[in-house]
N, C-alpha and C. Protein backbone atom coordinates (compact mmCIF):
# COMPACT_ATOMS: atom_id res chain seq x y z
N UNK A 1 98.23 -33.06 193.09
CA UNK A 1 97.72 -32.53 191.99
C UNK A 1 97.41 -31.04 191.42
N UNK A 2 97.24 -30.72 190.50
CA UNK A 2 97.41 -29.33 190.28
C UNK A 2 96.15 -28.50 190.41
N UNK A 3 96.23 -27.17 191.01
CA UNK A 3 95.06 -26.97 192.08
C UNK A 3 94.76 -27.36 193.21
N UNK A 4 95.24 -28.40 193.45
CA UNK A 4 94.38 -29.00 194.71
C UNK A 4 95.37 -28.13 196.24
N UNK A 5 94.60 -27.93 197.17
CA UNK A 5 94.67 -27.03 198.33
C UNK A 5 95.66 -28.20 199.43
N UNK A 6 96.22 -27.94 200.06
CA UNK A 6 97.43 -28.65 201.21
C UNK A 6 97.69 -27.49 201.71
N UNK A 7 98.62 -28.03 203.63
CA UNK A 7 99.33 -27.16 204.23
C UNK A 7 100.42 -26.72 203.93
N UNK A 8 100.64 -25.38 203.99
CA UNK A 8 101.70 -25.10 203.53
C UNK A 8 103.13 -25.02 204.44
N UNK A 9 104.25 -24.00 204.03
CA UNK A 9 105.13 -24.19 204.92
C UNK A 9 104.82 -23.67 206.16
N UNK A 10 103.80 -22.26 206.43
CA UNK A 10 103.39 -21.55 207.48
C UNK A 10 102.22 -22.10 208.11
N UNK A 11 101.78 -23.08 207.75
CA UNK A 11 100.44 -23.80 207.88
C UNK A 11 99.17 -23.41 207.24
N UNK A 12 99.20 -22.35 206.60
CA UNK A 12 97.97 -21.84 206.11
C UNK A 12 97.94 -22.67 204.88
N UNK A 13 96.39 -22.55 204.11
CA UNK A 13 96.46 -23.01 203.08
C UNK A 13 97.05 -22.76 202.06
N UNK A 14 97.93 -23.47 200.79
CA UNK A 14 98.14 -22.84 199.45
C UNK A 14 98.01 -24.24 198.54
N UNK A 15 98.31 -23.55 197.13
CA UNK A 15 97.62 -24.75 196.40
C UNK A 15 98.87 -25.61 196.07
N UNK A 16 98.87 -26.46 195.56
CA UNK A 16 100.02 -28.09 196.18
C UNK A 16 100.86 -28.06 195.27
N UNK A 17 100.45 -27.27 193.98
CA UNK A 17 101.32 -27.50 192.64
C UNK A 17 102.14 -26.19 192.64
N UNK A 18 101.51 -24.77 193.75
CA UNK A 18 102.49 -23.73 194.15
C UNK A 18 103.94 -23.62 194.64
N UNK A 19 104.11 -25.09 195.68
CA UNK A 19 105.21 -25.17 196.47
C UNK A 19 105.96 -26.31 195.50
N UNK A 20 106.79 -25.44 194.84
CA UNK A 20 108.05 -26.08 193.95
C UNK A 20 109.46 -25.62 194.74
N UNK A 21 110.46 -25.77 193.35
CA UNK A 21 111.45 -25.12 193.61
C UNK A 21 111.52 -23.76 193.30
N UNK A 22 112.40 -22.82 193.46
CA UNK A 22 112.47 -21.22 193.40
C UNK A 22 112.20 -21.19 191.90
N UNK A 23 111.61 -20.17 191.07
CA UNK A 23 111.53 -19.58 189.98
C UNK A 23 112.85 -19.88 189.31
N UNK A 24 112.93 -19.98 188.27
CA UNK A 24 114.60 -20.07 187.22
C UNK A 24 114.37 -18.86 186.67
N UNK A 25 115.54 -18.40 186.75
CA UNK A 25 115.90 -16.74 185.47
C UNK A 25 115.34 -16.51 184.48
N UNK A 26 114.76 -15.88 184.45
CA UNK A 26 114.51 -15.53 183.12
C UNK A 26 115.69 -14.98 181.82
N UNK A 27 115.47 -15.91 180.72
CA UNK A 27 116.63 -15.84 179.92
C UNK A 27 116.54 -15.49 179.18
N UNK A 28 115.42 -14.40 179.16
CA UNK A 28 114.96 -13.46 177.69
C UNK A 28 115.32 -13.81 176.64
N UNK A 29 114.78 -14.92 176.68
CA UNK A 29 114.75 -15.76 175.15
C UNK A 29 115.75 -16.49 174.81
N UNK A 30 116.73 -16.73 175.79
CA UNK A 30 117.86 -17.37 175.38
C UNK A 30 118.21 -18.54 175.32
N UNK A 31 118.42 -19.72 174.45
CA UNK A 31 117.89 -21.47 175.09
C UNK A 31 119.23 -21.62 175.67
N UNK A 32 118.46 -22.57 176.62
CA UNK A 32 119.78 -23.04 177.87
C UNK A 32 121.02 -24.05 177.03
N UNK A 33 121.24 -24.73 176.12
CA UNK A 33 121.81 -25.31 175.24
C UNK A 33 122.68 -24.74 174.34
N UNK A 34 122.41 -23.10 173.78
CA UNK A 34 123.23 -22.51 173.44
C UNK A 34 123.93 -21.45 174.35
N UNK A 35 123.59 -21.44 175.46
CA UNK A 35 124.50 -20.99 176.52
C UNK A 35 125.30 -20.91 177.64
N UNK A 36 124.28 -22.50 177.88
CA UNK A 36 125.73 -23.19 178.76
C UNK A 36 125.65 -24.67 178.40
N UNK A 37 126.97 -25.13 178.61
CA UNK A 37 127.43 -26.69 178.23
C UNK A 37 126.83 -27.28 179.11
N UNK A 38 127.33 -28.88 178.97
CA UNK A 38 126.23 -29.84 179.61
C UNK A 38 127.19 -29.96 181.06
N UNK A 39 128.04 -29.39 181.39
CA UNK A 39 128.43 -29.47 183.07
C UNK A 39 127.89 -28.81 183.66
N UNK A 40 128.06 -27.33 182.47
CA UNK A 40 126.80 -26.05 183.68
C UNK A 40 125.31 -26.45 184.04
N UNK A 41 124.77 -27.31 182.91
CA UNK A 41 123.02 -27.23 183.14
C UNK A 41 123.49 -28.30 184.02
N UNK A 42 124.30 -29.60 183.95
CA UNK A 42 124.37 -31.06 185.30
C UNK A 42 124.71 -30.10 186.54
N UNK A 43 125.75 -29.05 186.63
CA UNK A 43 125.95 -28.86 187.85
C UNK A 43 124.55 -27.88 188.13
N UNK A 44 124.04 -26.87 188.00
CA UNK A 44 122.24 -26.66 188.05
C UNK A 44 121.60 -27.55 188.28
N UNK A 45 121.69 -28.62 187.88
CA UNK A 45 120.46 -29.66 188.20
C UNK A 45 120.99 -30.58 188.87
N UNK A 46 121.93 -30.64 189.54
CA UNK A 46 122.16 -31.37 190.60
C UNK A 46 121.56 -30.89 191.96
N UNK A 47 121.71 -29.16 192.10
CA UNK A 47 121.32 -28.89 192.81
C UNK A 47 119.57 -28.76 193.03
N UNK A 48 119.14 -28.51 191.66
CA UNK A 48 117.73 -28.84 191.65
C UNK A 48 117.03 -30.25 192.37
N UNK A 49 117.92 -30.86 191.67
CA UNK A 49 117.51 -32.73 191.93
C UNK A 49 117.34 -32.62 193.89
N UNK A 50 118.29 -31.73 193.89
CA UNK A 50 118.47 -32.25 195.64
C UNK A 50 117.55 -31.73 196.48
N UNK A 51 117.36 -30.27 195.55
CA UNK A 51 115.93 -29.45 196.69
C UNK A 51 114.55 -30.42 196.39
N UNK A 52 114.50 -31.13 194.97
CA UNK A 52 113.16 -31.76 194.78
C UNK A 52 113.02 -33.05 195.82
N UNK A 53 114.30 -33.52 195.76
CA UNK A 53 114.25 -34.91 196.98
C UNK A 53 114.31 -34.07 198.28
N UNK A 54 115.16 -33.40 198.72
CA UNK A 54 114.75 -32.69 200.06
C UNK A 54 113.21 -32.15 200.32
N UNK A 55 112.76 -32.14 199.04
CA UNK A 55 111.20 -31.80 199.33
C UNK A 55 110.48 -32.72 199.30
N UNK A 56 110.42 -33.66 198.91
CA UNK A 56 109.82 -34.83 198.97
C UNK A 56 109.90 -35.35 200.03
N UNK A 57 110.72 -35.61 200.78
CA UNK A 57 111.31 -36.39 201.71
C UNK A 57 110.91 -35.69 203.31
N UNK A 58 110.45 -34.10 203.10
CA UNK A 58 110.45 -33.43 204.29
C UNK A 58 109.06 -33.56 204.96
N UNK A 59 108.10 -34.22 204.46
CA UNK A 59 106.79 -34.38 204.94
C UNK A 59 106.55 -35.83 204.53
N UNK A 60 106.10 -37.00 205.92
CA UNK A 60 105.79 -35.97 207.06
C UNK A 60 106.97 -36.07 208.04
N UNK A 61 106.79 -35.05 209.10
CA UNK A 61 108.04 -35.23 209.84
C UNK A 61 108.52 -36.12 210.56
N UNK A 62 110.09 -36.10 210.37
CA UNK A 62 111.17 -36.86 211.13
C UNK A 62 111.91 -36.42 211.94
N UNK A 63 113.08 -37.49 211.86
CA UNK A 63 114.21 -36.82 212.32
C UNK A 63 115.14 -36.13 211.59
N UNK A 64 115.96 -35.67 211.93
CA UNK A 64 117.28 -34.81 211.16
C UNK A 64 117.85 -36.08 210.37
N UNK A 65 118.39 -37.30 210.83
CA UNK A 65 119.04 -38.41 210.35
C UNK A 65 118.02 -39.19 209.49
N UNK A 66 116.55 -39.25 209.51
CA UNK A 66 115.64 -40.45 208.70
C UNK A 66 116.13 -39.54 207.34
N UNK A 67 115.47 -37.94 207.42
CA UNK A 67 115.76 -36.84 205.66
C UNK A 67 116.99 -37.09 205.02
N UNK A 68 117.72 -37.00 205.77
CA UNK A 68 119.15 -37.39 205.73
C UNK A 68 119.56 -38.27 204.97
N UNK A 69 118.82 -39.15 205.20
CA UNK A 69 119.43 -40.78 204.77
C UNK A 69 118.35 -41.35 203.26
N UNK A 70 117.16 -40.67 203.17
CA UNK A 70 116.34 -40.80 202.25
C UNK A 70 116.51 -39.77 201.15
N UNK A 71 117.09 -38.51 201.81
CA UNK A 71 117.77 -37.77 200.65
C UNK A 71 119.37 -38.00 200.01
N UNK A 72 120.06 -38.34 200.34
CA UNK A 72 121.25 -39.47 200.45
C UNK A 72 120.92 -40.15 199.32
N UNK A 73 119.92 -41.20 199.29
CA UNK A 73 119.95 -42.51 198.82
C UNK A 73 119.17 -42.08 197.64
N UNK A 74 118.75 -41.01 197.44
CA UNK A 74 117.91 -40.18 196.00
C UNK A 74 118.80 -39.50 195.12
N UNK A 75 120.03 -38.85 195.43
CA UNK A 75 120.66 -38.05 194.97
C UNK A 75 122.42 -38.74 194.62
N UNK A 76 122.52 -39.93 194.83
CA UNK A 76 123.48 -41.28 194.44
C UNK A 76 123.40 -41.13 193.31
N UNK A 77 124.61 -41.43 192.91
CA UNK A 77 124.69 -41.69 191.63
C UNK A 77 123.87 -42.85 190.71
N UNK A 78 123.98 -44.13 191.86
CA UNK A 78 123.60 -45.56 191.35
C UNK A 78 121.83 -45.15 191.29
N UNK A 79 120.75 -44.52 192.54
CA UNK A 79 119.85 -44.20 191.97
C UNK A 79 119.37 -43.52 190.59
N UNK A 80 120.21 -42.55 190.45
CA UNK A 80 120.00 -41.73 189.18
C UNK A 80 120.16 -42.75 188.10
N UNK A 81 120.95 -43.39 188.07
CA UNK A 81 121.51 -44.62 186.90
C UNK A 81 120.20 -45.05 186.83
N UNK A 82 119.27 -45.59 188.05
CA UNK A 82 118.18 -46.89 188.05
C UNK A 82 116.85 -45.36 187.38
N UNK A 83 116.77 -44.29 187.64
CA UNK A 83 115.80 -43.70 187.23
C UNK A 83 116.02 -43.30 185.94
N UNK A 84 117.13 -42.91 185.20
CA UNK A 84 117.59 -42.75 184.00
C UNK A 84 116.80 -43.83 183.13
N UNK A 85 117.26 -45.16 183.44
CA UNK A 85 116.49 -46.11 182.56
C UNK A 85 115.13 -46.58 182.90
N UNK A 86 114.49 -45.62 183.67
CA UNK A 86 113.12 -46.09 184.08
C UNK A 86 112.34 -45.04 183.23
N UNK A 87 113.69 -43.88 183.11
CA UNK A 87 112.85 -42.39 182.82
C UNK A 87 112.64 -43.09 180.45
N UNK A 88 113.99 -43.72 180.27
CA UNK A 88 113.92 -44.02 178.87
C UNK A 88 113.26 -45.16 178.48
N UNK A 89 112.74 -46.21 179.37
CA UNK A 89 112.03 -46.98 179.48
C UNK A 89 110.71 -46.62 179.16
N UNK A 90 110.11 -45.36 180.03
CA UNK A 90 108.47 -45.10 180.35
C UNK A 90 107.90 -44.26 179.06
N UNK A 91 109.14 -43.93 177.77
CA UNK A 91 108.14 -43.36 176.77
C UNK A 91 107.92 -41.78 177.13
N UNK A 92 108.19 -41.00 178.45
CA UNK A 92 107.76 -40.07 178.64
C UNK A 92 108.42 -38.93 178.01
N UNK A 93 110.17 -38.85 177.33
CA UNK A 93 110.86 -38.28 176.94
C UNK A 93 110.44 -38.01 175.42
N UNK A 94 110.44 -36.19 175.36
CA UNK A 94 110.44 -36.01 173.83
C UNK A 94 111.59 -36.27 173.13
N UNK A 95 112.13 -35.82 172.10
CA UNK A 95 112.72 -35.90 171.21
C UNK A 95 114.21 -35.04 171.53
N UNK A 96 113.68 -33.84 171.99
CA UNK A 96 114.77 -33.34 172.36
C UNK A 96 115.01 -33.28 173.46
N UNK A 97 113.93 -33.84 174.73
CA UNK A 97 114.81 -34.17 175.77
C UNK A 97 115.51 -35.37 175.88
N UNK A 98 115.55 -36.08 174.71
CA UNK A 98 116.85 -37.53 174.19
C UNK A 98 117.81 -36.71 174.02
N UNK A 99 117.88 -35.62 172.81
CA UNK A 99 119.04 -35.34 172.51
C UNK A 99 119.53 -34.73 174.27
N UNK A 100 119.02 -33.72 175.16
CA UNK A 100 119.74 -33.45 176.30
C UNK A 100 120.13 -34.55 176.86
N UNK A 101 119.58 -35.49 176.93
CA UNK A 101 119.87 -36.34 178.16
C UNK A 101 121.17 -37.46 177.24
N UNK A 102 121.27 -37.77 176.35
CA UNK A 102 122.56 -37.71 175.40
C UNK A 102 123.37 -37.00 175.51
N UNK A 103 123.49 -35.76 175.11
CA UNK A 103 124.47 -34.65 175.14
C UNK A 103 125.46 -34.77 176.97
N UNK A 104 124.40 -34.65 177.90
CA UNK A 104 124.74 -34.74 179.06
C UNK A 104 125.18 -35.88 179.91
N UNK A 105 125.03 -37.38 178.80
CA UNK A 105 125.58 -38.34 179.37
C UNK A 105 127.39 -38.62 178.55
N UNK A 106 127.08 -37.56 177.11
CA UNK A 106 128.65 -37.39 176.95
C UNK A 106 129.34 -36.62 176.85
N UNK A 107 129.14 -35.92 178.52
CA UNK A 107 129.87 -34.83 178.93
C UNK A 107 130.84 -34.90 179.61
N UNK A 108 131.95 -34.38 179.59
CA UNK A 108 133.05 -35.01 179.84
C UNK A 108 133.49 -34.46 181.42
N UNK A 109 133.73 -35.05 182.11
CA UNK A 109 133.73 -34.68 183.72
C UNK A 109 135.26 -35.42 184.10
N UNK A 110 135.33 -35.14 185.48
CA UNK A 110 136.16 -36.04 186.17
C UNK A 110 134.91 -36.53 187.05
N UNK A 111 135.08 -38.13 187.20
CA UNK A 111 134.59 -39.00 187.50
C UNK A 111 134.99 -39.16 188.98
N UNK A 112 133.86 -38.95 189.67
CA UNK A 112 134.34 -39.19 191.81
C UNK A 112 134.88 -40.87 191.87
N UNK A 113 136.24 -40.33 193.11
CA UNK A 113 136.52 -41.86 192.84
C UNK A 113 136.56 -42.84 193.20
N UNK A 114 135.09 -42.50 194.06
CA UNK A 114 134.17 -44.07 194.51
C UNK A 114 133.52 -44.73 193.31
N UNK A 115 133.71 -44.29 192.26
CA UNK A 115 133.23 -44.39 190.58
C UNK A 115 133.87 -45.06 189.38
N UNK A 116 135.12 -44.63 189.71
CA UNK A 116 136.25 -44.23 188.90
C UNK A 116 137.09 -45.81 188.56
N UNK A 117 136.71 -46.55 189.21
CA UNK A 117 137.41 -48.04 189.15
C UNK A 117 137.17 -48.76 188.13
N UNK A 118 136.10 -48.87 187.34
CA UNK A 118 135.66 -49.54 186.38
C UNK A 118 134.79 -49.18 185.35
N UNK A 119 134.65 -49.27 183.90
CA UNK A 119 134.44 -48.67 183.36
C UNK A 119 132.77 -49.00 183.41
N UNK A 120 132.04 -50.18 183.86
CA UNK A 120 131.05 -50.07 184.91
C UNK A 120 130.79 -48.65 185.69
N UNK A 121 131.23 -48.49 186.44
CA UNK A 121 130.73 -47.34 187.65
C UNK A 121 131.39 -45.97 186.71
N UNK A 122 131.92 -45.95 185.89
CA UNK A 122 132.09 -44.84 185.02
C UNK A 122 130.53 -44.99 184.16
N UNK A 123 130.07 -45.47 183.68
CA UNK A 123 128.87 -45.49 183.17
C UNK A 123 127.42 -45.23 183.85
N UNK A 124 127.76 -45.21 185.20
CA UNK A 124 126.65 -45.09 186.35
C UNK A 124 126.84 -43.59 186.43
N UNK A 125 127.88 -42.76 186.23
CA UNK A 125 128.38 -41.80 186.75
C UNK A 125 127.85 -40.81 185.78
N UNK A 126 128.06 -41.31 184.01
CA UNK A 126 127.82 -40.18 183.27
C UNK A 126 126.21 -40.60 183.05
N UNK A 127 125.32 -41.28 183.33
CA UNK A 127 124.08 -41.61 183.25
C UNK A 127 123.80 -40.93 184.46
N UNK A 128 124.00 -40.37 185.84
CA UNK A 128 123.59 -39.77 186.91
C UNK A 128 123.78 -38.24 186.08
N UNK A 129 124.98 -38.05 185.50
CA UNK A 129 125.11 -36.36 185.06
C UNK A 129 124.38 -36.19 183.77
N UNK A 130 123.42 -37.23 182.73
CA UNK A 130 122.65 -36.93 182.06
C UNK A 130 121.22 -36.72 182.84
N UNK A 131 121.22 -37.39 183.99
CA UNK A 131 119.96 -37.39 184.80
C UNK A 131 120.09 -35.41 184.77
N UNK A 132 121.01 -35.29 185.62
CA UNK A 132 121.41 -33.86 186.26
C UNK A 132 121.06 -32.38 184.67
N UNK A 133 121.53 -32.84 184.36
CA UNK A 133 121.49 -32.20 182.84
C UNK A 133 120.70 -32.07 182.65
N UNK A 134 119.77 -33.02 181.92
CA UNK A 134 118.60 -32.38 181.59
C UNK A 134 117.54 -32.00 182.87
N UNK A 135 117.76 -32.34 184.12
CA UNK A 135 116.82 -31.77 185.16
C UNK A 135 117.29 -30.13 184.98
N UNK A 136 118.39 -29.78 185.13
CA UNK A 136 119.70 -28.32 184.79
C UNK A 136 117.99 -27.59 183.60
N UNK A 137 118.44 -28.21 182.62
CA UNK A 137 117.27 -27.33 181.23
C UNK A 137 116.13 -27.53 181.33
N UNK A 138 115.62 -28.71 181.93
CA UNK A 138 114.21 -28.64 181.89
C UNK A 138 113.96 -27.51 182.99
N UNK A 139 114.39 -27.24 184.15
CA UNK A 139 114.55 -26.03 185.39
C UNK A 139 114.63 -25.09 184.32
N UNK A 140 115.26 -24.36 183.58
CA UNK A 140 115.63 -23.43 182.94
C UNK A 140 114.13 -23.20 182.13
N UNK A 141 113.89 -24.30 181.01
CA UNK A 141 113.05 -23.97 179.93
C UNK A 141 111.48 -24.55 180.52
N UNK A 142 111.28 -25.20 180.89
CA UNK A 142 110.33 -25.61 181.24
C UNK A 142 109.98 -26.35 182.71
N UNK A 143 109.69 -25.14 183.66
CA UNK A 143 109.38 -26.22 185.09
C UNK A 143 108.38 -26.62 185.00
N UNK A 144 107.52 -26.76 184.38
CA UNK A 144 106.36 -27.43 184.44
C UNK A 144 106.44 -29.10 184.21
N UNK A 145 107.35 -28.88 182.86
CA UNK A 145 107.87 -30.69 182.21
C UNK A 145 108.99 -30.97 183.33
N UNK A 146 109.54 -30.27 183.93
CA UNK A 146 110.36 -30.58 185.20
C UNK A 146 109.77 -31.25 186.22
N UNK A 147 108.52 -30.71 186.88
CA UNK A 147 107.74 -31.16 187.47
C UNK A 147 106.65 -32.75 187.28
N UNK A 148 106.69 -32.71 186.05
CA UNK A 148 105.80 -33.54 185.44
C UNK A 148 107.26 -34.57 185.44
N UNK A 149 108.04 -34.78 185.18
CA UNK A 149 109.39 -35.53 185.22
C UNK A 149 109.39 -36.06 186.56
N UNK A 150 109.68 -35.40 187.86
CA UNK A 150 110.06 -35.80 188.72
C UNK A 150 109.30 -36.47 189.47
N UNK A 151 107.82 -36.08 189.14
CA UNK A 151 106.63 -36.74 189.43
C UNK A 151 106.60 -38.46 189.13
N UNK A 152 107.27 -38.23 187.80
CA UNK A 152 107.12 -39.74 187.52
C UNK A 152 108.05 -40.46 188.05
N UNK A 153 109.02 -39.96 188.26
CA UNK A 153 110.37 -40.75 189.32
C UNK A 153 109.77 -40.87 190.58
N UNK A 154 108.80 -40.20 191.14
CA UNK A 154 108.44 -40.17 192.65
C UNK A 154 109.12 -39.48 193.43
N UNK A 155 109.54 -38.40 193.05
CA UNK A 155 110.07 -36.95 193.61
C UNK A 155 109.39 -35.95 193.20
N UNK A 156 108.16 -36.03 193.11
CA UNK A 156 107.22 -34.73 192.74
C UNK A 156 106.69 -34.13 194.00
N UNK A 157 105.72 -34.82 194.71
CA UNK A 157 105.15 -33.82 196.15
C UNK A 157 105.62 -35.51 196.95
N UNK A 158 105.40 -34.87 198.37
CA UNK A 158 105.22 -35.93 199.07
C UNK A 158 103.57 -36.23 199.37
N UNK A 159 103.84 -37.66 199.54
CA UNK A 159 102.54 -38.17 199.81
C UNK A 159 101.54 -37.39 201.04
N UNK A 160 100.51 -37.52 200.43
CA UNK A 160 99.27 -36.62 201.40
C UNK A 160 99.40 -37.90 202.62
N UNK A 161 98.78 -37.09 203.64
CA UNK A 161 98.56 -37.82 205.03
C UNK A 161 97.68 -38.99 204.90
N UNK A 162 98.25 -40.08 205.29
CA UNK A 162 97.82 -41.43 205.02
C UNK A 162 98.03 -42.01 203.63
N UNK A 163 98.72 -41.19 202.92
CA UNK A 163 98.72 -41.88 201.72
C UNK A 163 99.99 -42.36 200.79
N UNK A 164 100.15 -42.53 199.43
CA UNK A 164 101.71 -42.49 198.88
C UNK A 164 101.03 -41.50 197.69
N UNK A 165 102.49 -41.03 197.26
CA UNK A 165 102.31 -40.66 195.49
C UNK A 165 102.06 -41.70 194.91
N UNK A 166 101.54 -41.32 193.44
CA UNK A 166 101.55 -42.01 192.35
C UNK A 166 102.56 -42.53 191.57
N UNK A 167 103.68 -41.90 192.21
CA UNK A 167 104.89 -41.80 191.13
C UNK A 167 105.08 -43.11 191.58
N UNK A 168 106.23 -43.68 190.42
CA UNK A 168 107.24 -45.20 190.82
C UNK A 168 108.40 -44.49 190.94
N UNK A 169 108.86 -45.56 191.27
CA UNK A 169 110.11 -45.72 191.11
C UNK A 169 111.08 -44.81 192.38
N UNK A 170 110.53 -44.02 192.97
CA UNK A 170 111.01 -43.41 194.18
C UNK A 170 111.20 -43.54 195.60
N UNK A 171 110.53 -44.80 195.98
CA UNK A 171 111.11 -45.49 197.61
C UNK A 171 111.95 -46.58 197.06
N UNK A 172 112.54 -46.81 198.31
CA UNK A 172 113.27 -47.85 198.28
C UNK A 172 114.72 -47.57 198.17
N UNK A 173 115.60 -48.28 197.89
CA UNK A 173 116.75 -48.22 197.89
C UNK A 173 117.35 -49.33 196.41
N UNK A 174 116.75 -50.27 196.08
CA UNK A 174 116.92 -51.00 195.45
C UNK A 174 116.64 -51.13 193.89
N UNK A 175 116.70 -52.33 192.83
CA UNK A 175 116.32 -52.53 191.64
C UNK A 175 114.82 -51.91 191.02
N UNK A 176 114.65 -52.71 190.61
CA UNK A 176 113.30 -52.06 190.40
C UNK A 176 113.38 -51.44 189.14
N UNK A 177 112.25 -50.45 189.16
CA UNK A 177 112.21 -49.47 187.86
C UNK A 177 110.85 -49.73 187.38
N UNK A 178 110.76 -48.49 186.62
CA UNK A 178 109.41 -48.79 185.78
C UNK A 178 109.08 -49.56 184.90
N UNK A 179 107.78 -49.76 184.82
CA UNK A 179 107.67 -50.76 183.71
C UNK A 179 107.21 -50.17 182.13
N UNK A 180 106.82 -50.59 181.55
CA UNK A 180 106.46 -49.84 180.19
C UNK A 180 107.62 -50.64 179.01
N UNK A 181 106.78 -50.19 177.47
CA UNK A 181 108.12 -50.74 176.72
C UNK A 181 108.97 -49.99 176.25
N UNK A 182 110.19 -50.89 176.07
CA UNK A 182 111.67 -50.28 176.18
C UNK A 182 111.38 -49.72 175.02
N UNK A 183 111.56 -48.32 174.94
CA UNK A 183 111.97 -47.46 174.26
C UNK A 183 113.23 -46.85 173.54
N UNK A 184 114.50 -47.54 173.47
CA UNK A 184 115.48 -47.28 173.28
C UNK A 184 116.10 -45.88 173.26
N UNK A 185 117.26 -45.66 172.84
CA UNK A 185 117.39 -43.74 172.71
C UNK A 185 118.57 -43.65 173.77
N UNK A 186 118.59 -42.56 174.40
CA UNK A 186 119.21 -41.80 175.50
C UNK A 186 120.76 -42.67 175.29
N UNK A 187 121.37 -43.21 174.32
CA UNK A 187 122.60 -43.48 174.11
C UNK A 187 123.78 -43.24 173.77
N UNK A 188 124.97 -43.45 173.54
CA UNK A 188 126.12 -42.69 173.68
C UNK A 188 126.22 -41.93 171.80
């Protein structure tokens, strides 16, 4: 919740919305899509996505193996593909964001061997790349919108003590996804 207080990394009080990813570089008025290609934004978005996942599962305190397994589950292409569809179905995205998502999905790149066997698996990788491209784009252009998107996907904030976050789709490892009207868009 914006403005709410919580315990910061040093045990002191801090605004809950102040503990986010590092501040993006100042672009001096440059538009991300004019200066970086979709693969470059996906490269950046991959690291931002993982940082959100690591931050989300850092609390409550746990063993390193537990952190690792939760984070790995949420940075996998299959999970990103599911969240891609959830995001499309939610009606959350603006037309510009849908364009960036489509641009990232159509970016060329080498599909990892574990996902290159079938066209279906390549589609999984393309959806994951689209999510990472949008994440990189929003990180550079609108960090507040990025945080709103990550919160919608269940990666915004760790649950408060004794509670859960309001985001859907962030927990678990299986199918599911968000509900809402099917919006279309985001295709090829």
